Amino acid sequence: QEVPLIAGWKFTTGDSMLWAEPTFIDMNWQPISVMENWERQGHDNYDGFGWYRLKLVIPSSLKESSSFKDSVRFEMGKGDDGYAVYLNGKLIGKNYTNDIKTGIFTWCKAVIAANDPAIKWDKENVIAVRVFDSGGLGGIYGEQNQFKITMVDPMDDAWFDTDGDFNYGDNNSLSKTIKIEANSRYSYKGKLDFV
């Protein structure tokens, strides 16, 4: 199960940390599509700070229907350039160390514990994304399937490494080493069959 994060976003240029707060009134902000950068939506050649806000209910059925119930992932396309993601006023993700102006164009996402008090299950939540664009296109934008909330799956951080060479043996045999690698905290045990 996933919760789409497509419709209902609002936007403004400028910068104020008050805009991360769920009680802030954004009724005069511009409705904006996250399918396009902000330049294509009336902000030609704008470089600097911009904020996006979205109000939505996060259903508890999201975690109840998941095999693993410990972590929640927020995906919001790509952040161009530096970004910080806030949930109900709490910073939950960013792509820089000390200064948002040093962030680089990359996936805009955040992962938090399912029991984090920032999440209000079955109630209205406010996602706020602060973006700093250093030049060129700016904002958060991407494809429709790149904007969603899902539970983290243990295989999300696992992948097949198929870079090994093919080995040609006797009697027309062919072999190749394939490794399964992971950078998560989960332990993997079991048998893998290729058909």
Protein backbone atom coordinates (compact mmCIF):
# COMPACT_ATOMS: atom_id res chain seq x y z
CA GLN A 1 0.00 0.00 0.00
CA GLU A 2 1.12 3.54 -0.65
CA VAL A 3 -0.18 7.05 -0.12
CA PRO A 4 0.23 9.23 -3.23
CA LEU A 5 1.75 12.69 -2.81
CA ILE A 6 0.64 14.19 -6.12
CA ALA A 7 -2.28 16.57 -5.68
CA GLY A 8 -2.75 19.49 -3.32
CA TRP A 9 0.73 21.02 -3.10
CA LYS A 10 1.10 24.76 -2.48
CA PHE A 11 4.18 26.89 -3.14
CA THR A 12 5.79 30.21 -2.45
CA THR A 13 9.18 31.78 -3.08
CA GLY A 14 11.18 33.23 -0.20
CA ASP A 15 12.26 31.72 3.08
CA SER A 16 10.86 31.56 6.60
CA MET A 17 11.19 28.71 9.06
CA LEU A 18 7.64 29.49 10.20
CA TRP A 19 6.49 27.85 6.96
CA ALA A 20 7.51 24.43 8.32
CA GLU A 21 4.96 24.70 11.14
CA PRO A 22 1.67 22.85 10.69
CA THR A 23 -0.29 25.80 12.12
CA PHE A 24 0.97 28.20 9.44
CA ILE A 25 -1.85 29.41 7.17
CA ASP A 26 -0.85 28.92 3.52
CA MET A 27 -4.21 29.73 1.91
CA ASN A 28 -2.66 32.51 -0.22
CA TRP A 29 0.11 30.30 -1.58
CA GLN A 30 0.14 29.26 -5.23
CA PRO A 31 -1.22 25.80 -6.09
CA ILE A 32 1.64 23.99 -7.88
CA SER A 33 2.22 20.76 -9.77
CA VAL A 34 5.13 18.58 -8.69
CA MET A 35 5.28 17.15 -12.20
CA GLU A 36 7.12 20.30 -13.34
CA ASN A 37 9.87 22.56 -11.96
CA TRP A 38 8.91 25.97 -10.62
CA GLU A 39 10.32 27.80 -13.67
CA ARG A 40 7.58 26.30 -15.84
CA GLN A 41 4.94 27.46 -13.39
CA GLY A 42 5.45 31.19 -13.36
CA HIS A 43 8.87 31.56 -11.78
CA ASP A 44 11.13 31.95 -14.83
CA ASN A 45 14.82 32.35 -14.01
CA TYR A 46 14.11 32.30 -10.26
CA ASP A 47 17.03 31.05 -8.16
CA GLY A 48 16.92 31.02 -4.38
CA PHE A 49 14.56 29.67 -1.74
CA GLY A 50 11.14 28.16 -2.30
CA TRP A 51 8.78 26.22 -0.06
CA TYR A 52 6.23 23.51 -0.83
CA ARG A 53 3.47 22.45 1.55
CA LEU A 54 0.99 19.57 1.44
CA LYS A 55 -1.76 18.61 3.89
CA LEU A 56 -2.86 14.98 3.98
CA VAL A 57 -4.09 12.15 6.18
CA ILE A 58 -1.65 9.27 6.66
CA PRO A 59 -3.78 6.14 7.28
CA SER A 60 -2.65 3.61 9.88
CA SER A 61 -3.63 0.90 7.36
CA LEU A 62 -0.33 1.74 5.64
CA LYS A 63 1.67 0.13 8.44
CA GLU A 64 -0.95 -2.47 9.35
CA SER A 65 -0.83 -3.98 5.85
CA SER A 66 2.98 -3.99 5.72
CA SER A 67 5.19 -6.99 6.49
CA PHE A 68 7.69 -4.74 8.24
CA LYS A 69 6.18 -2.02 10.36
CA ASP A 70 9.19 -0.12 11.66
CA SER A 71 10.00 2.63 9.12
CA VAL A 72 8.11 4.97 6.80
CA ARG A 73 9.52 6.42 3.56
CA PHE A 74 8.50 9.78 2.11
CA GLU A 75 9.42 10.20 -1.58
CA MET A 76 9.03 13.53 -3.38
CA GLY A 77 10.71 13.21 -6.76
CA LYS A 78 14.01 15.03 -7.11
CA GLY A 79 15.13 18.05 -5.11
CA ASP A 80 16.80 20.75 -7.19
CA ASP A 81 19.12 21.59 -5.45
CA GLY A 82 19.36 21.58 -1.63
CA TYR A 83 16.27 20.44 0.29
CA ALA A 84 14.98 19.89 3.81
CA VAL A 85 11.78 17.91 4.51
CA TYR A 86 9.61 18.69 7.54
CA LEU A 87 6.70 16.66 8.88
CA ASN A 88 4.42 18.61 11.18
CA GLY A 89 7.26 21.03 11.90
CA LYS A 90 9.95 18.38 12.58
CA LEU A 91 12.96 18.03 10.26
CA ILE A 92 12.90 14.45 8.94
CA GLY A 93 15.28 14.57 5.95
CA LYS A 94 17.79 16.71 4.06
CA ASN A 95 20.51 16.38 1.42
CA TYR A 96 23.23 18.55 2.96
CA THR A 97 25.40 18.58 6.08
CA ASN A 98 25.46 22.14 7.44
CA ASP A 99 24.18 24.54 4.78
CA ILE A 100 21.21 23.93 2.46
CA LYS A 101 23.03 25.96 -0.20
CA THR A 102 25.54 23.09 -0.54
CA GLY A 103 22.86 20.49 -1.35
CA ILE A 104 23.04 18.93 -4.80
CA PHE A 105 20.33 17.76 -7.21
CA THR A 106 19.25 14.33 -5.98
CA TRP A 107 16.24 12.28 -4.90
CA CYS A 108 14.09 14.12 -2.35
CA LYS A 109 13.23 11.58 0.33
CA ALA A 110 13.11 10.95 4.05
CA VAL A 111 12.81 7.81 6.19
CA ILE A 112 11.60 7.91 9.78
CA ALA A 113 10.52 5.37 12.39
CA ALA A 114 6.85 4.41 12.23
CA ASN A 115 6.51 5.31 15.91
CA ASP A 116 8.06 8.77 15.46
CA PRO A 117 5.77 11.26 17.21
CA ALA A 118 5.96 13.56 14.15
CA ILE A 119 3.53 11.24 12.34
CA LYS A 120 -0.12 11.72 13.18
CA TRP A 121 -1.67 8.44 12.08
CA ASP A 122 -5.23 8.77 10.74
CA LYS A 123 -5.13 12.55 11.20
CA GLU A 124 -4.10 15.52 9.07
CA ASN A 125 -0.35 15.94 8.60
CA VAL A 126 1.61 18.73 6.97
CA ILE A 127 4.64 18.00 4.80
CA ALA A 128 6.77 21.08 4.14
CA VAL A 129 9.77 21.04 1.82
CA ARG A 130 12.29 23.89 1.87
CA VAL A 131 14.31 24.08 -1.35
CA PHE A 132 17.32 26.17 -2.34
CA ASP A 133 18.05 26.40 -6.06
CA SER A 134 21.53 27.63 -6.96
CA GLY A 135 20.82 28.01 -10.69
CA GLY A 136 18.96 26.53 -13.61
CA LEU A 137 15.77 24.61 -12.87
CA GLY A 138 14.48 24.53 -9.30
CA GLY A 139 12.04 22.85 -6.96
CA ILE A 140 10.84 19.33 -6.31
CA TYR A 141 9.58 17.57 -9.39
CA GLY A 142 9.49 14.23 -11.17
CA GLU A 143 7.22 11.47 -12.38
CA GLN A 144 3.89 10.63 -10.76
CA ASN A 145 5.14 7.34 -9.27
CA GLN A 146 8.01 9.18 -7.53
CA PHE A 147 5.70 10.99 -5.08
CA LYS A 148 4.41 8.67 -2.36
CA ILE A 149 4.57 7.45 1.21
CA THR A 150 5.34 3.75 1.72
CA MET A 151 6.60 1.49 4.45
CA VAL A 152 10.26 0.52 4.15
CA ASP A 153 10.78 -3.04 2.95
CA PRO A 154 13.91 -4.97 3.94
CA MET A 155 14.75 -5.57 0.27
CA ASP A 156 14.75 -1.84 -0.50
CA ASP A 157 18.44 -1.60 0.32
CA ALA A 158 19.44 -4.91 -1.28
CA TRP A 159 20.50 -5.44 -4.88
CA PHE A 160 22.05 -7.95 -7.24
CA ASP A 161 25.62 -7.26 -8.30
CA THR A 162 25.98 -8.84 -11.75
CA ASP A 163 29.26 -7.18 -12.69
CA GLY A 164 31.26 -10.42 -12.52
CA ASP A 165 32.69 -11.91 -15.71
CA PHE A 166 31.20 -14.88 -17.51
CA ASN A 167 33.33 -18.01 -17.24
CA TYR A 168 33.27 -20.44 -20.13
CA GLY A 169 34.05 -23.99 -19.08
CA ASP A 170 34.28 -27.46 -20.48
CA ASN A 171 31.39 -29.08 -22.33
CA ASN A 172 29.89 -25.72 -23.33
CA SER A 173 29.24 -24.74 -19.70
CA LEU A 174 28.83 -21.14 -18.69
CA SER A 175 28.95 -19.64 -15.21
CA LYS A 176 28.86 -16.24 -13.62
CA THR A 177 29.16 -15.02 -10.05
CA ILE A 178 26.20 -12.96 -8.88
CA LYS A 179 26.32 -11.33 -5.46
CA ILE A 180 23.44 -10.09 -3.37
CA GLU A 181 24.56 -6.98 -1.52
CA ALA A 182 22.80 -4.84 1.06
CA ASN A 183 23.46 -1.68 3.02
CA SER A 184 20.62 -2.00 5.51
CA ARG A 185 20.52 -3.14 9.11
CA TYR A 186 18.49 -6.24 8.25
CA SER A 187 19.98 -9.73 8.24
CA TYR A 188 19.19 -11.90 5.24
CA LYS A 189 18.96 -15.68 5.43
CA GLY A 190 17.46 -18.18 3.08
CA LYS A 191 17.76 -19.90 -0.25
CA LEU A 192 17.60 -18.16 -3.60
CA ASP A 193 16.50 -20.11 -6.67
CA PHE A 194 16.88 -18.97 -10.25
CA VAL A 195 14.42 -20.44 -12.71
